[in-house]
Amino acid sequence: MDEMKREIGELKDSVARIDASVTRLDSTVNRMAVTVAQLVGGLSDMKDFLAENMATKKDISNLNSRMDGFSGLLLDSRHRWAVHAETLAQHDARLTKIETRDA
């Protein structure tokens, strides 16, 4: 009988340890579930933010087109400035000839 009481006591201790382990496991699982929910919410927020604020291929293409257009204007302006500078130089040379002829 004493042997049986001892075995029952050991079984009760084992069950108590298992209950404590299950309680700790439940607590850990609950914390992990909260963390996963927070991560999912954060990823959803990030996805929405990126969907609203990221440039699309069309946006980038439009920007590239505008930059190409501006570059073309700049090159055209430089070309016109060079032609104008050359015209002024030729005009200055003609004026110098006229002035020396009249003098």
PDB file of N, CA and C in Angstrom:
ATOM      1  N   MET A   1       0.817  -1.184   0.000  1.00  0.00           N
ATOM      2  CA  MET A   1       0.000   0.000   0.000  1.00  0.00           C
ATOM      3  C   MET A   1       0.871   1.263   0.000  1.00  0.00           C
ATOM      4  N   ASP A   2       1.917   1.237   0.789  1.00  0.00           N
ATOM      5  CA  ASP A   2       2.821   2.383   0.825  1.00  0.00           C
ATOM      6  C   ASP A   2       3.468   2.602  -0.556  1.00  0.00           C
ATOM      7  N   GLU A   3       3.758   1.503  -1.189  1.00  0.00           N
ATOM      8  CA  GLU A   3       4.358   1.581  -2.533  1.00  0.00           C
ATOM      9  C   GLU A   3       3.387   2.271  -3.494  1.00  0.00           C
ATOM     10  N   MET A   4       2.143   1.953  -3.398  1.00  0.00           N
ATOM     11  CA  MET A   4       1.112   2.523  -4.261  1.00  0.00           C
ATOM     12  C   MET A   4       0.940   4.017  -3.976  1.00  0.00           C
ATOM     13  N   LYS A   5       0.966   4.394  -2.718  1.00  0.00           N
ATOM     14  CA  LYS A   5       0.848   5.804  -2.337  1.00  0.00           C
ATOM     15  C   LYS A   5       2.049   6.589  -2.884  1.00  0.00           C
ATOM     16  N   ARG A   6       3.224   5.978  -2.796  1.00  0.00           N
ATOM     17  CA  ARG A   6       4.422   6.630  -3.308  1.00  0.00           C
ATOM     18  C   ARG A   6       4.313   6.814  -4.822  1.00  0.00           C
ATOM     19  N   GLU A   7       3.872   5.817  -5.550  1.00  0.00           N
ATOM     20  CA  GLU A   7       3.724   5.915  -7.002  1.00  0.00           C
ATOM     21  C   GLU A   7       2.674   6.960  -7.376  1.00  0.00           C
ATOM     22  N   ILE A   8       1.585   6.999  -6.609  1.00  0.00           N
ATOM     23  CA  ILE A   8       0.539   7.999  -6.861  1.00  0.00           C
ATOM     24  C   ILE A   8       1.105   9.409  -6.613  1.00  0.00           C
ATOM     25  N   GLY A   9       1.895   9.544  -5.580  1.00  0.00           N
ATOM     26  CA  GLY A   9       2.529  10.831  -5.274  1.00  0.00           C
ATOM     27  C   GLY A   9       3.472  11.251  -6.403  1.00  0.00           C
ATOM     28  N   GLU A  10       4.236  10.283  -6.907  1.00  0.00           N
ATOM     29  CA  GLU A  10       5.144  10.573  -8.018  1.00  0.00           C
ATOM     30  C   GLU A  10       4.369  10.977  -9.269  1.00  0.00           C
ATOM     31  N   LEU A  11       3.254  10.284  -9.505  1.00  0.00           N
ATOM     32  CA  LEU A  11       2.420  10.615 -10.668  1.00  0.00           C
ATOM     33  C   LEU A  11       1.833  12.027 -10.528  1.00  0.00           C
ATOM     34  N   LYS A  12       1.403  12.364  -9.308  1.00  0.00           N
ATOM     35  CA  LYS A  12       0.849  13.705  -9.070  1.00  0.00           C
ATOM     36  C   LYS A  12       1.933  14.773  -9.308  1.00  0.00           C
ATOM     37  N   ASP A  13       3.159  14.492  -8.860  1.00  0.00           N
ATOM     38  CA  ASP A  13       4.271  15.421  -9.100  1.00  0.00           C
ATOM     39  C   ASP A  13       4.546  15.571 -10.592  1.00  0.00           C
ATOM     40  N   SER A  14       4.516  14.463 -11.308  1.00  0.00           N
ATOM     41  CA  SER A  14       4.740  14.497 -12.755  1.00  0.00           C
ATOM     42  C   SER A  14       3.651  15.309 -13.451  1.00  0.00           C
ATOM     43  N   VAL A  15       2.411  15.083 -13.038  1.00  0.00           N
ATOM     44  CA  VAL A  15       1.292  15.821 -13.627  1.00  0.00           C
ATOM     45  C   VAL A  15       1.436  17.312 -13.319  1.00  0.00           C
ATOM     46  N   ALA A  16       1.865  17.664 -12.130  1.00  0.00           N
ATOM     47  CA  ALA A  16       2.049  19.069 -11.744  1.00  0.00           C
ATOM     48  C   ALA A  16       3.153  19.706 -12.594  1.00  0.00           C
ATOM     49  N   ARG A  17       4.244  18.949 -12.802  1.00  0.00           N
ATOM     50  CA  ARG A  17       5.318  19.479 -13.643  1.00  0.00           C
ATOM     51  C   ARG A  17       4.844  19.651 -15.084  1.00  0.00           C
ATOM     52  N   ILE A  18       4.070  18.699 -15.574  1.00  0.00           N
ATOM     53  CA  ILE A  18       3.527  18.798 -16.938  1.00  0.00           C
ATOM     54  C   ILE A  18       2.589  19.996 -17.033  1.00  0.00           C
ATOM     55  N   ASP A  19       1.737  20.196 -16.034  1.00  0.00           N
ATOM     56  CA  ASP A  19       0.821  21.343 -16.023  1.00  0.00           C
ATOM     57  C   ASP A  19       1.604  22.663 -16.039  1.00  0.00           C
ATOM     58  N   ALA A  20       2.658  22.733 -15.255  1.00  0.00           N
ATOM     59  CA  ALA A  20       3.477  23.946 -15.214  1.00  0.00           C
ATOM     60  C   ALA A  20       4.138  24.178 -16.577  1.00  0.00           C
ATOM     61  N   SER A  21       4.618  23.100 -17.200  1.00  0.00           N
ATOM     62  CA  SER A  21       5.245  23.225 -18.519  1.00  0.00           C
ATOM     63  C   SER A  21       4.231  23.685 -19.563  1.00  0.00           C
ATOM     64  N   VAL A  22       3.032  23.125 -19.496  1.00  0.00           N
ATOM     65  CA  VAL A  22       1.980  23.506 -20.443  1.00  0.00           C
ATOM     66  C   VAL A  22       1.601  24.973 -20.237  1.00  0.00           C
ATOM     67  N   THR A  23       1.538  25.411 -18.998  1.00  0.00           N
ATOM     68  CA  THR A  23       1.214  26.808 -18.708  1.00  0.00           C
ATOM     69  C   THR A  23       2.280  27.743 -19.283  1.00  0.00           C
ATOM     70  N   ARG A  24       3.553  27.387 -19.079  1.00  0.00           N
ATOM     71  CA  ARG A  24       4.636  28.193 -19.646  1.00  0.00           C
ATOM     72  C   ARG A  24       4.577  28.174 -21.178  1.00  0.00           C
ATOM     73  N   LEU A  25       4.301  27.012 -21.742  1.00  0.00           N
ATOM     74  CA  LEU A  25       4.194  26.889 -23.187  1.00  0.00           C
ATOM     75  C   LEU A  25       3.040  27.743 -23.722  1.00  0.00           C
ATOM     76  N   ASP A  26       1.890  27.723 -23.053  1.00  0.00           N
ATOM     77  CA  ASP A  26       0.755  28.559 -23.458  1.00  0.00           C
ATOM     78  C   ASP A  26       1.132  30.040 -23.433  1.00  0.00           C
ATOM     79  N   SER A  27       1.826  30.441 -22.380  1.00  0.00           N
ATOM     80  CA  SER A  27       2.250  31.836 -22.256  1.00  0.00           C
ATOM     81  C   SER A  27       3.184  32.217 -23.401  1.00  0.00           C
ATOM     82  N   THR A  28       4.130  31.341 -23.702  1.00  0.00           N
ATOM     83  CA  THR A  28       5.078  31.601 -24.796  1.00  0.00           C
ATOM     84  C   THR A  28       4.361  31.679 -26.136  1.00  0.00           C
ATOM     85  N   VAL A  29       3.445  30.754 -26.372  1.00  0.00           N
ATOM     86  CA  VAL A  29       2.684  30.743 -27.634  1.00  0.00           C
ATOM     87  C   VAL A  29       1.850  32.012 -27.753  1.00  0.00           C
ATOM     88  N   ASN A  30       1.246  32.458 -26.657  1.00  0.00           N
ATOM     89  CA  ASN A  30       0.446  33.689 -26.699  1.00  0.00           C
ATOM     90  C   ASN A  30       1.314  34.900 -27.040  1.00  0.00           C
ATOM     91  N   ARG A  31       2.501  35.005 -26.432  1.00  0.00           N
ATOM     92  CA  ARG A  31       3.399  36.114 -26.742  1.00  0.00           C
ATOM     93  C   ARG A  31       3.834  36.061 -28.207  1.00  0.00           C
ATOM     94  N   MET A  32       4.108  34.857 -28.689  1.00  0.00           N
ATOM     95  CA  MET A  32       4.518  34.707 -30.093  1.00  0.00           C
ATOM     96  C   MET A  32       3.372  35.101 -31.028  1.00  0.00           C
ATOM     97  N   ALA A  33       2.144  34.739 -30.686  1.00  0.00           N
ATOM     98  CA  ALA A  33       0.992  35.093 -31.521  1.00  0.00           C
ATOM     99  C   ALA A  33       0.824  36.611 -31.586  1.00  0.00           C
ATOM    100  N   VAL A  34       1.026  37.292 -30.452  1.00  0.00           N
ATOM    101  CA  VAL A  34       0.935  38.747 -30.434  1.00  0.00           C
ATOM    102  C   VAL A  34       2.027  39.346 -31.315  1.00  0.00           C
ATOM    103  N   THR A  35       3.236  38.824 -31.211  1.00  0.00           N
ATOM    104  CA  THR A  35       4.353  39.326 -32.017  1.00  0.00           C
ATOM    105  C   THR A  35       4.078  39.114 -33.501  1.00  0.00           C
ATOM    106  N   VAL A  36       3.589  37.945 -33.870  1.00  0.00           N
ATOM    107  CA  VAL A  36       3.275  37.662 -35.284  1.00  0.00           C
ATOM    108  C   VAL A  36       2.191  38.614 -35.778  1.00  0.00           C
ATOM    109  N   ALA A  37       1.173  38.860 -34.954  1.00  0.00           N
ATOM    110  CA  ALA A  37       0.099  39.777 -35.350  1.00  0.00           C
ATOM    111  C   ALA A  37       0.652  41.186 -35.562  1.00  0.00           C
ATOM    112  N   GLN A  38       1.556  41.618 -34.679  1.00  0.00           N
ATOM    113  CA  GLN A  38       2.166  42.937 -34.834  1.00  0.00           C
ATOM    114  C   GLN A  38       2.999  43.010 -36.109  1.00  0.00           C
ATOM    115  N   LEU A  39       3.753  41.953 -36.390  1.00  0.00           N
ATOM    116  CA  LEU A  39       4.561  41.925 -37.611  1.00  0.00           C
ATOM    117  C   LEU A  39       3.694  41.964 -38.861  1.00  0.00           C
ATOM    118  N   VAL A  40       2.620  41.203 -38.848  1.00  0.00           N
ATOM    119  CA  VAL A  40       1.714  41.184 -39.999  1.00  0.00           C
ATOM    120  C   VAL A  40       1.104  42.563 -40.205  1.00  0.00           C
ATOM    121  N   GLY A  41       0.703  43.199 -39.111  1.00  0.00           N
ATOM    122  CA  GLY A  41       0.151  44.548 -39.217  1.00  0.00           C
ATOM    123  C   GLY A  41       1.182  45.523 -39.751  1.00  0.00           C
ATOM    124  N   GLY A  42       2.415  45.421 -39.262  1.00  0.00           N
ATOM    125  CA  GLY A  42       3.481  46.304 -39.734  1.00  0.00           C
ATOM    126  C   GLY A  42       3.770  46.088 -41.209  1.00  0.00           C
ATOM    127  N   LEU A  43       3.798  44.836 -41.634  1.00  0.00           N
ATOM    128  CA  LEU A  43       4.040  44.548 -43.055  1.00  0.00           C
ATOM    129  C   LEU A  43       2.900  45.067 -43.919  1.00  0.00           C
ATOM    130  N   SER A  44       1.690  44.959 -43.413  1.00  0.00           N
ATOM    131  CA  SER A  44       0.535  45.469 -44.156  1.00  0.00           C
ATOM    132  C   SER A  44       0.618  46.989 -44.294  1.00  0.00           C
ATOM    133  N   ASP A  45       0.989  47.661 -43.196  1.00  0.00           N
ATOM    134  CA  ASP A  45       1.158  49.114 -43.248  1.00  0.00           C
ATOM    135  C   ASP A  45       2.251  49.496 -44.236  1.00  0.00           C
ATOM    136  N   MET A  46       3.363  48.747 -44.209  1.00  0.00           N
ATOM    137  CA  MET A  46       4.473  49.032 -45.112  1.00  0.00           C
ATOM    138  C   MET A  46       4.052  48.826 -46.559  1.00  0.00           C
ATOM    139  N   LYS A  47       3.303  47.770 -46.803  1.00  0.00           N
ATOM    140  CA  LYS A  47       2.832  47.487 -48.163  1.00  0.00           C
ATOM    141  C   LYS A  47       1.940  48.618 -48.656  1.00  0.00           C
ATOM    142  N   ASP A  48       1.028  49.074 -47.803  1.00  0.00           N
ATOM    143  CA  ASP A  48       0.150  50.182 -48.185  1.00  0.00           C
ATOM    144  C   ASP A  48       0.952  51.452 -48.450  1.00  0.00           C
ATOM    145  N   PHE A  49       1.927  51.738 -47.579  1.00  0.00           N
ATOM    146  CA  PHE A  49       2.753  52.933 -47.746  1.00  0.00           C
ATOM    147  C   PHE A  49       3.514  52.880 -49.066  1.00  0.00           C
ATOM    148  N   LEU A  50       4.128  51.725 -49.343  1.00  0.00           N
ATOM    149  CA  LEU A  50       4.900  51.595 -50.574  1.00  0.00           C
ATOM    150  C   LEU A  50       4.002  51.680 -51.794  1.00  0.00           C
ATOM    151  N   ALA A  51       2.811  51.106 -51.695  1.00  0.00           N
ATOM    152  CA  ALA A  51       1.888  51.156 -52.829  1.00  0.00           C
ATOM    153  C   ALA A  51       1.489  52.594 -53.135  1.00  0.00           C
ATOM    154  N   GLU A  52       1.385  53.423 -52.091  1.00  0.00           N
ATOM    155  CA  GLU A  52       0.981  54.810 -52.295  1.00  0.00           C
ATOM    156  C   GLU A  52       2.153  55.704 -52.685  1.00  0.00           C
ATOM    157  N   ASN A  53       3.374  55.379 -52.247  1.00  0.00           N
ATOM    158  CA  ASN A  53       4.478  56.322 -52.370  1.00  0.00           C
ATOM    159  C   ASN A  53       5.620  55.887 -53.278  1.00  0.00           C
ATOM    160  N   MET A  54       5.643  54.664 -53.716  1.00  0.00           N
ATOM    161  CA  MET A  54       6.744  54.229 -54.575  1.00  0.00           C
ATOM    162  C   MET A  54       6.491  54.655 -56.013  1.00  0.00           C
ATOM    163  N   ALA A  55       7.556  55.008 -56.663  1.00  0.00           N
ATOM    164  CA  ALA A  55       7.455  55.392 -58.066  1.00  0.00           C
ATOM    165  C   ALA A  55       7.201  54.148 -58.915  1.00  0.00           C
ATOM    166  N   THR A  56       6.335  54.319 -59.889  1.00  0.00           N
ATOM    167  CA  THR A  56       6.067  53.225 -60.813  1.00  0.00           C
ATOM    168  C   THR A  56       7.037  53.313 -61.983  1.00  0.00           C
ATOM    169  N   LYS A  57       7.032  52.296 -62.808  1.00  0.00           N
ATOM    170  CA  LYS A  57       7.869  52.322 -64.007  1.00  0.00           C
ATOM    171  C   LYS A  57       7.477  53.498 -64.898  1.00  0.00           C
ATOM    172  N   LYS A  58       6.181  53.787 -64.937  1.00  0.00           N
ATOM    173  CA  LYS A  58       5.703  54.904 -65.752  1.00  0.00           C
ATOM    174  C   LYS A  58       6.232  56.229 -65.194  1.00  0.00           C
ATOM    175  N   ASP A  59       6.214  56.377 -63.855  1.00  0.00           N
ATOM    176  CA  ASP A  59       6.752  57.605 -63.238  1.00  0.00           C
ATOM    177  C   ASP A  59       8.219  57.794 -63.594  1.00  0.00           C
ATOM    178  N   ILE A  60       8.980  56.733 -63.488  1.00  0.00           N
ATOM    179  CA  ILE A  60      10.413  56.806 -63.782  1.00  0.00           C
ATOM    180  C   ILE A  60      10.638  57.097 -65.267  1.00  0.00           C
ATOM    181  N   SER A  61       9.839  56.468 -66.118  1.00  0.00           N
ATOM    182  CA  SER A  61       9.952  56.711 -67.556  1.00  0.00           C
ATOM    183  C   SER A  61       9.642  58.174 -67.880  1.00  0.00           C
ATOM    184  N   ASN A  62       8.593  58.719 -67.253  1.00  0.00           N
ATOM    185  CA  ASN A  62       8.250  60.136 -67.468  1.00  0.00           C
ATOM    186  C   ASN A  62       9.382  61.039 -66.999  1.00  0.00           C
ATOM    187  N   LEU A  63       9.957  60.722 -65.850  1.00  0.00           N
ATOM    188  CA  LEU A  63      11.069  61.518 -65.336  1.00  0.00           C
ATOM    189  C   LEU A  63      12.265  61.461 -66.281  1.00  0.00           C
ATOM    190  N   ASN A  64      12.570  60.258 -66.769  1.00  0.00           N
ATOM    191  CA  ASN A  64      13.681  60.123 -67.725  1.00  0.00           C
ATOM    192  C   ASN A  64      13.414  60.929 -68.995  1.00  0.00           C
ATOM    193  N   SER A  65      12.182  60.900 -69.466  1.00  0.00           N
ATOM    194  CA  SER A  65      11.838  61.667 -70.673  1.00  0.00           C
ATOM    195  C   SER A  65      12.023  63.163 -70.438  1.00  0.00           C
ATOM    196  N   ARG A  66      11.589  63.630 -69.279  1.00  0.00           N
ATOM    197  CA  ARG A  66      11.739  65.055 -68.967  1.00  0.00           C
ATOM    198  C   ARG A  66      13.210  65.435 -68.847  1.00  0.00           C
ATOM    199  N   MET A  67      13.997  64.555 -68.217  1.00  0.00           N
ATOM    200  CA  MET A  67      15.427  64.840 -68.091  1.00  0.00           C
ATOM    201  C   MET A  67      16.097  64.842 -69.458  1.00  0.00           C
ATOM    202  N   ASP A  68      15.703  63.909 -70.325  1.00  0.00           N
ATOM    203  CA  ASP A  68      16.252  63.893 -71.686  1.00  0.00           C
ATOM    204  C   ASP A  68      15.881  65.174 -72.420  1.00  0.00           C
ATOM    205  N   GLY A  69      14.637  65.605 -72.252  1.00  0.00           N
ATOM    206  CA  GLY A  69      14.199  66.843 -72.892  1.00  0.00           C
ATOM    207  C   GLY A  69      14.996  68.034 -72.387  1.00  0.00           C
ATOM    208  N   PHE A  70      15.209  68.100 -71.079  1.00  0.00           N
ATOM    209  CA  PHE A  70      15.992  69.194 -70.508  1.00  0.00           C
ATOM    210  C   PHE A  70      17.432  69.154 -71.014  1.00  0.00           C
ATOM    211  N   SER A  71      17.996  67.947 -71.077  1.00  0.00           N
ATOM    212  CA  SER A  71      19.364  67.811 -71.591  1.00  0.00           C
ATOM    213  C   SER A  71      19.436  68.284 -73.032  1.00  0.00           C
ATOM    214  N   GLY A  72      18.424  67.952 -73.812  1.00  0.00           N
ATOM    215  CA  GLY A  72      18.381  68.402 -75.201  1.00  0.00           C
ATOM    216  C   GLY A  72      18.317  69.915 -75.293  1.00  0.00           C
ATOM    217  N   LEU A  73      17.503  70.525 -74.425  1.00  0.00           N
ATOM    218  CA  LEU A  73      17.432  71.986 -74.417  1.00  0.00           C
ATOM    219  C   LEU A  73      18.767  72.599 -74.029  1.00  0.00           C
ATOM    220  N   LEU A  74      19.420  71.998 -73.059  1.00  0.00           N
ATOM    221  CA  LEU A  74      20.714  72.509 -72.619  1.00  0.00           C
ATOM    222  C   LEU A  74      21.745  72.417 -73.743  1.00  0.00           C
ATOM    223  N   LEU A  75      21.783  71.270 -74.421  1.00  0.00           N
ATOM    224  CA  LEU A  75      22.727  71.120 -75.535  1.00  0.00           C
ATOM    225  C   LEU A  75      22.402  72.096 -76.655  1.00  0.00           C
ATOM    226  N   ASP A  76      21.102  72.256 -76.947  1.00  0.00           N
ATOM    227  CA  ASP A  76      20.689  73.194 -77.985  1.00  0.00           C
ATOM    228  C   ASP A  76      21.076  74.618 -77.600  1.00  0.00           C
ATOM    229  N   SER A  77      20.894  74.967 -76.340  1.00  0.00           N
ATOM    230  CA  SER A  77      21.261  76.296 -75.856  1.00  0.00           C
ATOM    231  C   SER A  77      22.755  76.528 -75.973  1.00  0.00           C
ATOM    232  N   ARG A  78      23.541  75.523 -75.616  1.00  0.00           N
ATOM    233  CA  ARG A  78      25.003  75.648 -75.747  1.00  0.00           C
ATOM    234  C   ARG A  78      25.409  75.837 -77.206  1.00  0.00           C
ATOM    235  N   HIS A  79      24.749  75.092 -78.091  1.00  0.00           N
ATOM    236  CA  HIS A  79      25.052  75.209 -79.521  1.00  0.00           C
ATOM    237  C   HIS A  79      24.718  76.621 -80.013  1.00  0.00           C
ATOM    238  N   ARG A  80      23.521  77.119 -79.623  1.00  0.00           N
ATOM    239  CA  ARG A  80      23.135  78.462 -80.043  1.00  0.00           C
ATOM    240  C   ARG A  80      24.084  79.512 -79.479  1.00  0.00           C
ATOM    241  N   TRP A  81      24.531  79.311 -78.232  1.00  0.00           N
ATOM    242  CA  TRP A  81      25.474  80.256 -77.636  1.00  0.00           C
ATOM    243  C   TRP A  81      26.792  80.259 -78.415  1.00  0.00           C
ATOM    244  N   ALA A  82      27.256  79.054 -78.805  1.00  0.00           N
ATOM    245  CA  ALA A  82      28.514  78.966 -79.577  1.00  0.00           C
ATOM    246  C   ALA A  82      28.369  79.651 -80.926  1.00  0.00           C
ATOM    247  N   VAL A  83      27.234  79.425 -81.602  1.00  0.00           N
ATOM    248  CA  VAL A  83      26.998  80.066 -82.904  1.00  0.00           C
ATOM    249  C   VAL A  83      26.934  81.580 -82.724  1.00  0.00           C
ATOM    250  N   HIS A  84      26.239  82.019 -81.692  1.00  0.00           N
ATOM    251  CA  HIS A  84      26.114  83.455 -81.437  1.00  0.00           C
ATOM    252  C   HIS A  84      27.486  84.076 -81.141  1.00  0.00           C
ATOM    253  N   ALA A  85      28.295  83.373 -80.325  1.00  0.00           N
ATOM    254  CA  ALA A  85      29.637  83.876 -80.002  1.00  0.00           C
ATOM    255  C   ALA A  85      30.474  83.995 -81.271  1.00  0.00           C
ATOM    256  N   GLU A  86      30.371  83.024 -82.155  1.00  0.00           N
ATOM    257  CA  GLU A  86      31.126  83.068 -83.413  1.00  0.00           C
ATOM    258  C   GLU A  86      30.626  84.204 -84.294  1.00  0.00           C
ATOM    259  N   THR A  87      29.326  84.407 -84.354  1.00  0.00           N
ATOM    260  CA  THR A  87      28.762  85.500 -85.146  1.00  0.00           C
ATOM    261  C   THR A  87      29.241  86.846 -84.620  1.00  0.00           C
ATOM    262  N   LEU A  88      29.248  86.986 -83.277  1.00  0.00           N
ATOM    263  CA  LEU A  88      29.734  88.229 -82.679  1.00  0.00           C
ATOM    264  C   LEU A  88      31.218  88.448 -82.991  1.00  0.00           C
ATOM    265  N   ALA A  89      31.989  87.373 -82.959  1.00  0.00           N
ATOM    266  CA  ALA A  89      33.420  87.486 -83.261  1.00  0.00           C
ATOM    267  C   ALA A  89      33.609  87.938 -84.709  1.00  0.00           C
ATOM    268  N   GLN A  90      32.826  87.374 -85.631  1.00  0.00           N
ATOM    269  CA  GLN A  90      32.920  87.775 -87.036  1.00  0.00           C
ATOM    270  C   GLN A  90      32.476  89.223 -87.217  1.00  0.00           C
ATOM    271  N   HIS A  91      31.410  89.592 -86.524  1.00  0.00           N
ATOM    272  CA  HIS A  91      30.906  90.953 -86.609  1.00  0.00           C
ATOM    273  C   HIS A  91      31.948  91.940 -86.061  1.00  0.00           C
ATOM    274  N   ASP A  92      32.573  91.577 -84.961  1.00  0.00           N
ATOM    275  CA  ASP A  92      33.615  92.416 -84.368  1.00  0.00           C
ATOM    276  C   ASP A  92      34.778  92.590 -85.336  1.00  0.00           C
ATOM    277  N   ALA A  93      35.136  91.503 -86.015  1.00  0.00           N
ATOM    278  CA  ALA A  93      36.229  91.586 -86.997  1.00  0.00           C
ATOM    279  C   ALA A  93      35.845  92.519 -88.144  1.00  0.00           C
ATOM    280  N   ARG A  94      34.618  92.456 -88.629  1.00  0.00           N
ATOM    281  CA  ARG A  94      34.160  93.347 -89.706  1.00  0.00           C
ATOM    282  C   ARG A  94      34.159  94.794 -89.249  1.00  0.00           C
ATOM    283  N   LEU A  95      33.671  95.011 -88.013  1.00  0.00           N
ATOM    284  CA  LEU A  95      33.676  96.389 -87.496  1.00  0.00           C
ATOM    285  C   LEU A  95      35.091  96.935 -87.372  1.00  0.00           C
ATOM    286  N   THR A  96      36.007  96.095 -86.927  1.00  0.00           N
ATOM    287  CA  THR A  96      37.404  96.519 -86.813  1.00  0.00           C
ATOM    288  C   THR A  96      37.951  96.894 -88.184  1.00  0.00           C
ATOM    289  N   LYS A  97      37.656  96.121 -89.217  1.00  0.00           N
ATOM    290  CA  LYS A  97      38.109  96.435 -90.582  1.00  0.00           C
ATOM    291  C   LYS A  97      37.513  97.760 -91.053  1.00  0.00           C
ATOM    292  N   ILE A  98      36.228  97.936 -90.799  1.00  0.00           N
ATOM    293  CA  ILE A  98      35.563  99.171 -91.227  1.00  0.00           C
ATOM    294  C   ILE A  98      36.176 100.382 -90.502  1.00  0.00           C
ATOM    295  N   GLU A  99      36.398 100.236 -89.219  1.00  0.00           N
ATOM    296  CA  GLU A  99      36.945 101.327 -88.432  1.00  0.00           C
ATOM    297  C   GLU A  99      38.377 101.686 -88.907  1.00  0.00           C
ATOM    298  N   THR A 100      39.180 100.679 -89.217  1.00  0.00           N
ATOM    299  CA  THR A 100      40.555 100.960 -89.670  1.00  0.00           C
ATOM    300  C   THR A 100      40.533 101.544 -91.079  1.00  0.00           C
ATOM    301  N   ARG A 101      39.597 101.190 -91.895  1.00  0.00           N
ATOM    302  CA  ARG A 101      39.482 101.717 -93.257  1.00  0.00           C
ATOM    303  C   ARG A 101      39.060 103.183 -93.215  1.00  0.00           C
ATOM    304  N   ASP A 102      38.144 103.514 -92.329  1.00  0.00           N
ATOM    305  CA  ASP A 102      37.649 104.887 -92.218  1.00  0.00           C
ATOM    306  C   ASP A 102      38.637 105.809 -91.518  1.00  0.00           C
ATOM    307  N   ALA A 103      39.511 105.262 -90.763  1.00  0.00           N
ATOM    308  CA  ALA A 103      40.427 106.095 -89.991  1.00  0.00           C
ATOM    309  C   ALA A 103      41.525 106.682 -90.786  1.00  0.00           C
TER     310      ALA A 103
END
